Amino acid sequence: MNDVIELRGLIAMGRHGCLAFERENLQPFQVDLDVEADLSAAVDGDDLALTVDYGVVAKTVEHVISSTSYALLERLAEVIAREVLQIGRVQSVTVSLHKLRPPIEVPLDSAGVRITRRAAPSWISGDDEEE
């Protein structure tokens, strides 16, 4: 499958980091997402109900960043990926997460991680079992 919905430059405020002041003060995080899904039904039907609603994806990501607190960007990216994978039709997601104000002494635009996670096949989760 090569169908991908791209979201770029999502900014959300959160309290993530290893240092106490990072968890006490809001700071901006930027997220880029590649959401892999079968978009053929949406192409044929021209109907929002047949695709992945990127508004729902964006709100999900913003909620995770603003409502949780983790020490590591790696953990935050993993939670974002897990939540996005719960959205209908999403088969995999690549999360590129950047802290826009990294607390280091060297000039740096951002520090970040990129992870890719895939949904479990339906035969593992039992979604296709007969009733």
N, C-alpha and C. Protein backbone atom coordinates (compact mmCIF):
# COMPACT_ATOMS: atom_id res chain seq x y z
N MET A 1 0.84 -1.18 0.00
CA MET A 1 0.00 0.00 0.00
C MET A 1 0.88 1.24 0.00
N ASN A 2 0.51 2.22 -0.79
CA ASN A 2 1.27 3.46 -0.87
C ASN A 2 0.42 4.69 -0.60
N ASP A 3 -0.80 4.51 -0.09
CA ASP A 3 -1.67 5.66 0.19
C ASP A 3 -1.27 6.27 1.52
N VAL A 4 -0.98 7.57 1.50
CA VAL A 4 -0.51 8.25 2.71
C VAL A 4 -1.19 9.60 2.84
N ILE A 5 -1.72 9.87 4.01
CA ILE A 5 -2.20 11.21 4.35
C ILE A 5 -1.08 11.88 5.13
N GLU A 6 -0.68 13.05 4.70
CA GLU A 6 0.42 13.77 5.33
C GLU A 6 -0.11 14.96 6.13
N LEU A 7 0.33 15.07 7.36
CA LEU A 7 0.06 16.25 8.18
C LEU A 7 1.41 16.84 8.54
N ARG A 8 1.59 18.13 8.29
CA ARG A 8 2.88 18.78 8.51
C ARG A 8 2.72 20.02 9.39
N GLY A 9 3.66 20.16 10.32
CA GLY A 9 3.75 21.38 11.10
C GLY A 9 2.70 21.56 12.18
N LEU A 10 2.13 20.47 12.69
CA LEU A 10 1.18 20.59 13.79
C LEU A 10 1.94 21.05 15.03
N ILE A 11 1.49 22.14 15.64
CA ILE A 11 2.13 22.67 16.84
C ILE A 11 1.17 22.51 18.00
N ALA A 12 1.67 21.97 19.11
CA ALA A 12 0.87 21.82 20.32
C ALA A 12 1.77 22.12 21.52
N MET A 13 1.14 22.62 22.56
CA MET A 13 1.86 22.98 23.78
C MET A 13 1.76 21.83 24.78
N GLY A 14 2.91 21.51 25.40
CA GLY A 14 2.92 20.43 26.37
C GLY A 14 4.00 20.61 27.41
N ARG A 15 4.05 19.67 28.34
CA ARG A 15 5.02 19.69 29.43
C ARG A 15 5.79 18.37 29.43
N HIS A 16 6.77 18.27 28.56
CA HIS A 16 7.53 17.04 28.42
C HIS A 16 9.02 17.33 28.51
N GLY A 17 9.74 16.46 29.19
CA GLY A 17 11.19 16.60 29.30
C GLY A 17 11.71 15.98 30.58
N CYS A 18 13.00 15.83 30.64
CA CYS A 18 13.65 15.22 31.80
C CYS A 18 13.88 16.22 32.93
N LEU A 19 13.97 17.49 32.59
CA LEU A 19 14.27 18.51 33.59
C LEU A 19 12.98 19.04 34.20
N ALA A 20 13.05 19.38 35.49
CA ALA A 20 11.85 19.83 36.22
C ALA A 20 11.19 21.02 35.54
N PHE A 21 11.97 22.01 35.11
CA PHE A 21 11.35 23.20 34.52
C PHE A 21 10.64 22.88 33.21
N GLU A 22 11.06 21.82 32.51
CA GLU A 22 10.38 21.43 31.27
C GLU A 22 8.99 20.88 31.56
N ARG A 23 8.84 20.26 32.71
CA ARG A 23 7.55 19.66 33.07
C ARG A 23 6.65 20.64 33.81
N GLU A 24 7.23 21.76 34.22
CA GLU A 24 6.46 22.79 34.92
C GLU A 24 5.92 23.85 33.97
N ASN A 25 6.59 24.06 32.85
CA ASN A 25 6.24 25.14 31.93
C ASN A 25 5.83 24.59 30.57
N LEU A 26 4.79 25.18 30.00
CA LEU A 26 4.38 24.79 28.66
C LEU A 26 5.47 25.14 27.66
N GLN A 27 5.65 24.26 26.71
CA GLN A 27 6.61 24.50 25.63
C GLN A 27 6.04 23.93 24.33
N PRO A 28 6.46 24.48 23.20
CA PRO A 28 5.90 24.02 21.92
C PRO A 28 6.57 22.75 21.40
N PHE A 29 5.74 21.89 20.83
CA PHE A 29 6.19 20.69 20.15
C PHE A 29 5.60 20.69 18.75
N GLN A 30 6.40 20.26 17.79
CA GLN A 30 5.93 20.20 16.41
C GLN A 30 5.89 18.74 15.97
N VAL A 31 4.80 18.39 15.27
CA VAL A 31 4.63 17.01 14.82
C VAL A 31 4.33 16.99 13.33
N ASP A 32 5.00 16.10 12.63
CA ASP A 32 4.67 15.75 11.24
C ASP A 32 4.25 14.29 11.25
N LEU A 33 3.20 13.98 10.51
CA LEU A 33 2.68 12.62 10.48
C LEU A 33 2.52 12.13 9.05
N ASP A 34 2.83 10.87 8.84
CA ASP A 34 2.48 10.15 7.62
C ASP A 34 1.57 9.02 8.05
N VAL A 35 0.31 9.11 7.65
CA VAL A 35 -0.70 8.14 8.04
C VAL A 35 -1.01 7.27 6.83
N GLU A 36 -0.68 5.99 6.93
CA GLU A 36 -0.91 5.06 5.84
C GLU A 36 -2.27 4.39 6.01
N ALA A 37 -3.05 4.42 4.94
CA ALA A 37 -4.39 3.82 4.94
C ALA A 37 -4.78 3.52 3.51
N ASP A 38 -5.71 2.61 3.34
CA ASP A 38 -6.25 2.33 2.01
C ASP A 38 -7.27 3.42 1.69
N LEU A 39 -6.92 4.28 0.76
CA LEU A 39 -7.78 5.42 0.41
C LEU A 39 -8.61 5.16 -0.84
N SER A 40 -8.62 3.95 -1.34
CA SER A 40 -9.31 3.67 -2.60
C SER A 40 -10.82 3.91 -2.49
N ALA A 41 -11.45 3.55 -1.38
CA ALA A 41 -12.89 3.79 -1.22
C ALA A 41 -13.19 5.28 -1.24
N ALA A 42 -12.34 6.07 -0.61
CA ALA A 42 -12.54 7.53 -0.59
C ALA A 42 -12.37 8.12 -1.98
N VAL A 43 -11.42 7.59 -2.72
CA VAL A 43 -11.20 8.06 -4.09
C VAL A 43 -12.44 7.80 -4.94
N ASP A 44 -12.99 6.61 -4.80
CA ASP A 44 -14.18 6.24 -5.59
C ASP A 44 -15.44 6.94 -5.10
N GLY A 45 -15.58 7.08 -3.76
CA GLY A 45 -16.83 7.59 -3.20
C GLY A 45 -16.86 9.08 -2.91
N ASP A 46 -15.68 9.73 -2.89
CA ASP A 46 -15.60 11.17 -2.61
C ASP A 46 -16.41 11.52 -1.36
N ASP A 47 -16.15 10.76 -0.27
CA ASP A 47 -16.93 10.89 0.95
C ASP A 47 -15.99 10.83 2.14
N LEU A 48 -16.08 11.83 3.03
CA LEU A 48 -15.21 11.89 4.22
C LEU A 48 -15.33 10.63 5.07
N ALA A 49 -16.49 10.02 5.11
CA ALA A 49 -16.69 8.82 5.91
C ALA A 49 -15.88 7.63 5.39
N LEU A 50 -15.33 7.73 4.19
CA LEU A 50 -14.59 6.63 3.58
C LEU A 50 -13.08 6.80 3.67
N THR A 51 -12.63 7.79 4.44
CA THR A 51 -11.20 8.04 4.55
C THR A 51 -10.84 8.26 6.01
N VAL A 52 -9.60 8.62 6.25
CA VAL A 52 -9.15 9.00 7.58
C VAL A 52 -9.30 10.51 7.69
N ASP A 53 -10.10 10.95 8.62
CA ASP A 53 -10.35 12.39 8.81
C ASP A 53 -9.12 13.01 9.48
N TYR A 54 -8.37 13.81 8.73
CA TYR A 54 -7.14 14.36 9.29
C TYR A 54 -7.41 15.36 10.41
N GLY A 55 -8.63 15.90 10.48
CA GLY A 55 -8.99 16.74 11.62
C GLY A 55 -9.03 15.94 12.91
N VAL A 56 -9.54 14.72 12.83
CA VAL A 56 -9.57 13.83 13.99
C VAL A 56 -8.15 13.44 14.38
N VAL A 57 -7.30 13.17 13.39
CA VAL A 57 -5.91 12.83 13.68
C VAL A 57 -5.23 14.00 14.40
N ALA A 58 -5.38 15.20 13.88
CA ALA A 58 -4.75 16.38 14.47
C ALA A 58 -5.22 16.61 15.90
N LYS A 59 -6.51 16.49 16.15
CA LYS A 59 -7.03 16.68 17.50
C LYS A 59 -6.52 15.60 18.45
N THR A 60 -6.38 14.39 17.95
CA THR A 60 -5.85 13.30 18.77
C THR A 60 -4.42 13.61 19.20
N VAL A 61 -3.60 14.04 18.26
CA VAL A 61 -2.20 14.35 18.55
C VAL A 61 -2.12 15.52 19.54
N GLU A 62 -2.89 16.56 19.29
CA GLU A 62 -2.87 17.73 20.17
C GLU A 62 -3.28 17.33 21.58
N HIS A 63 -4.28 16.48 21.71
CA HIS A 63 -4.75 16.03 23.02
C HIS A 63 -3.65 15.27 23.76
N VAL A 64 -2.97 14.37 23.08
CA VAL A 64 -1.90 13.60 23.73
C VAL A 64 -0.82 14.53 24.24
N ILE A 65 -0.39 15.47 23.40
CA ILE A 65 0.70 16.37 23.80
C ILE A 65 0.28 17.26 24.96
N SER A 66 -0.93 17.77 24.93
CA SER A 66 -1.35 18.75 25.94
C SER A 66 -1.85 18.12 27.24
N SER A 67 -2.22 16.85 27.23
CA SER A 67 -2.84 16.26 28.42
C SER A 67 -1.96 15.26 29.15
N THR A 68 -0.77 15.00 28.65
CA THR A 68 0.12 14.04 29.28
C THR A 68 1.45 14.70 29.60
N SER A 69 2.32 13.98 30.28
CA SER A 69 3.67 14.48 30.55
C SER A 69 4.63 13.30 30.61
N TYR A 70 5.62 13.33 29.75
CA TYR A 70 6.62 12.27 29.69
C TYR A 70 8.01 12.86 29.74
N ALA A 71 8.94 12.10 30.25
CA ALA A 71 10.33 12.56 30.30
C ALA A 71 10.96 12.55 28.91
N LEU A 72 10.68 11.51 28.13
CA LEU A 72 11.37 11.32 26.86
C LEU A 72 10.48 11.58 25.65
N LEU A 73 11.06 12.18 24.63
CA LEU A 73 10.36 12.36 23.36
C LEU A 73 10.00 11.01 22.75
N GLU A 74 10.84 10.02 22.95
CA GLU A 74 10.58 8.69 22.43
C GLU A 74 9.26 8.14 22.96
N ARG A 75 9.03 8.32 24.24
CA ARG A 75 7.79 7.83 24.86
C ARG A 75 6.58 8.61 24.33
N LEU A 76 6.70 9.93 24.24
CA LEU A 76 5.61 10.75 23.73
C LEU A 76 5.27 10.36 22.29
N ALA A 77 6.27 10.16 21.46
CA ALA A 77 6.03 9.75 20.07
C ALA A 77 5.32 8.40 20.01
N GLU A 78 5.70 7.49 20.88
CA GLU A 78 5.07 6.16 20.93
C GLU A 78 3.59 6.27 21.30
N VAL A 79 3.27 7.09 22.29
CA VAL A 79 1.88 7.25 22.71
C VAL A 79 1.06 7.90 21.59
N ILE A 80 1.64 8.90 20.92
CA ILE A 80 0.96 9.51 19.78
C ILE A 80 0.67 8.45 18.72
N ALA A 81 1.67 7.64 18.38
CA ALA A 81 1.48 6.60 17.37
C ALA A 81 0.38 5.63 17.77
N ARG A 82 0.39 5.18 19.00
CA ARG A 82 -0.63 4.23 19.47
C ARG A 82 -2.04 4.81 19.35
N GLU A 83 -2.18 6.08 19.72
CA GLU A 83 -3.50 6.72 19.65
C GLU A 83 -3.97 6.89 18.21
N VAL A 84 -3.07 7.28 17.33
CA VAL A 84 -3.44 7.45 15.92
C VAL A 84 -3.81 6.10 15.31
N LEU A 85 -3.13 5.04 15.70
CA LEU A 85 -3.46 3.71 15.18
C LEU A 85 -4.85 3.24 15.60
N GLN A 86 -5.43 3.85 16.62
CA GLN A 86 -6.78 3.49 17.06
C GLN A 86 -7.86 4.11 16.18
N ILE A 87 -7.47 5.07 15.34
CA ILE A 87 -8.43 5.73 14.46
C ILE A 87 -8.74 4.79 13.29
N GLY A 88 -9.98 4.65 12.95
CA GLY A 88 -10.41 3.74 11.89
C GLY A 88 -9.65 3.94 10.59
N ARG A 89 -9.33 2.84 9.94
CA ARG A 89 -8.68 2.75 8.65
C ARG A 89 -7.16 2.97 8.68
N VAL A 90 -6.61 3.43 9.78
CA VAL A 90 -5.16 3.68 9.85
C VAL A 90 -4.43 2.34 9.95
N GLN A 91 -3.51 2.13 9.02
CA GLN A 91 -2.75 0.89 9.00
C GLN A 91 -1.33 1.06 9.55
N SER A 92 -0.77 2.24 9.37
CA SER A 92 0.52 2.55 9.99
C SER A 92 0.64 4.06 10.09
N VAL A 93 1.55 4.47 10.96
CA VAL A 93 1.78 5.90 11.13
C VAL A 93 3.26 6.13 11.41
N THR A 94 3.80 7.16 10.78
CA THR A 94 5.13 7.64 11.10
C THR A 94 4.97 8.98 11.80
N VAL A 95 5.52 9.06 13.00
CA VAL A 95 5.45 10.27 13.81
C VAL A 95 6.83 10.89 13.87
N SER A 96 6.93 12.13 13.42
CA SER A 96 8.17 12.89 13.54
C SER A 96 7.87 14.00 14.55
N LEU A 97 8.48 13.92 15.72
CA LEU A 97 8.18 14.80 16.85
C LEU A 97 9.40 15.65 17.16
N HIS A 98 9.18 16.96 17.29
CA HIS A 98 10.28 17.89 17.56
C HIS A 98 9.98 18.78 18.75
N LYS A 99 10.95 18.87 19.65
CA LYS A 99 10.90 19.86 20.73
C LYS A 99 11.54 21.11 20.16
N LEU A 100 10.76 22.21 20.12
CA LEU A 100 11.22 23.42 19.45
C LEU A 100 12.12 24.29 20.31
N ARG A 101 12.19 24.02 21.59
CA ARG A 101 13.09 24.76 22.50
C ARG A 101 13.89 23.78 23.34
N PRO A 102 14.78 23.01 22.72
CA PRO A 102 15.53 22.03 23.51
C PRO A 102 16.44 22.75 24.51
N PRO A 103 16.50 22.22 25.74
CA PRO A 103 17.26 22.89 26.79
C PRO A 103 18.75 22.52 26.78
N ILE A 104 19.42 22.95 25.73
CA ILE A 104 20.86 22.70 25.65
C ILE A 104 21.57 24.02 25.35
N GLU A 105 22.86 24.05 25.57
CA GLU A 105 23.63 25.29 25.42
C GLU A 105 24.08 25.55 23.99
N VAL A 106 23.99 24.56 23.14
CA VAL A 106 24.39 24.70 21.74
C VAL A 106 23.20 25.20 20.93
N PRO A 107 23.39 26.20 20.06
CA PRO A 107 22.26 26.65 19.24
C PRO A 107 21.71 25.49 18.40
N LEU A 108 20.39 25.28 18.50
CA LEU A 108 19.74 24.17 17.83
C LEU A 108 18.28 24.54 17.59
N ASP A 109 17.81 24.39 16.35
CA ASP A 109 16.42 24.72 16.03
C ASP A 109 15.44 23.79 16.74
N SER A 110 15.76 22.50 16.78
CA SER A 110 14.87 21.55 17.43
C SER A 110 15.63 20.25 17.69
N ALA A 111 15.06 19.45 18.57
CA ALA A 111 15.55 18.09 18.80
C ALA A 111 14.34 17.19 18.63
N GLY A 112 14.52 16.02 18.04
CA GLY A 112 13.35 15.20 17.79
C GLY A 112 13.63 13.74 17.57
N VAL A 113 12.54 13.02 17.39
CA VAL A 113 12.59 11.59 17.07
C VAL A 113 11.58 11.31 15.97
N ARG A 114 11.81 10.22 15.27
CA ARG A 114 10.85 9.76 14.26
C ARG A 114 10.68 8.26 14.44
N ILE A 115 9.42 7.83 14.58
CA ILE A 115 9.12 6.41 14.73
C ILE A 115 8.01 6.03 13.76
N THR A 116 8.01 4.77 13.38
CA THR A 116 6.93 4.21 12.56
C THR A 116 6.36 3.01 13.28
N ARG A 117 5.03 2.98 13.37
CA ARG A 117 4.34 1.86 14.00
C ARG A 117 3.23 1.38 13.09
N ARG A 118 2.96 0.09 13.12
CA ARG A 118 1.92 -0.51 12.29
C ARG A 118 0.83 -1.11 13.17
N ALA A 119 -0.39 -1.08 12.67
CA ALA A 119 -1.51 -1.71 13.37
C ALA A 119 -1.32 -3.22 13.33
N ALA A 120 -1.79 -3.89 14.36
CA ALA A 120 -1.75 -5.35 14.38
C ALA A 120 -2.69 -5.87 13.31
N PRO A 121 -2.28 -6.92 12.58
CA PRO A 121 -3.20 -7.50 11.59
C PRO A 121 -4.49 -7.95 12.28
N SER A 122 -5.60 -7.86 11.57
CA SER A 122 -6.90 -8.20 12.16
C SER A 122 -6.96 -9.65 12.62
N TRP A 123 -6.22 -10.54 11.98
CA TRP A 123 -6.27 -11.94 12.38
C TRP A 123 -5.60 -12.15 13.73
N ILE A 124 -4.71 -11.23 14.15
CA ILE A 124 -4.11 -11.32 15.47
C ILE A 124 -5.07 -10.80 16.53
N SER A 125 -5.73 -9.68 16.24
CA SER A 125 -6.61 -9.07 17.22
C SER A 125 -7.98 -9.74 17.27
N GLY A 126 -8.29 -10.60 16.30
CA GLY A 126 -9.55 -11.30 16.29
C GLY A 126 -10.69 -10.54 15.65
N ASP A 127 -10.40 -9.44 14.97
CA ASP A 127 -11.44 -8.62 14.37
C ASP A 127 -12.22 -9.33 13.27
N ASP A 128 -11.63 -10.36 12.68
CA ASP A 128 -12.31 -11.01 11.56
C ASP A 128 -12.92 -12.37 11.96
N GLU A 129 -13.05 -12.60 13.26
CA GLU A 129 -13.64 -13.86 13.70
C GLU A 129 -15.13 -13.89 13.36
N GLU A 130 -15.60 -15.07 13.01
CA GLU A 130 -17.03 -15.24 12.73
C GLU A 130 -17.78 -15.31 14.04
N GLU A 131 -19.01 -14.80 14.01
CA GLU A 131 -19.83 -14.84 15.23
C GLU A 131 -20.85 -15.92 15.15
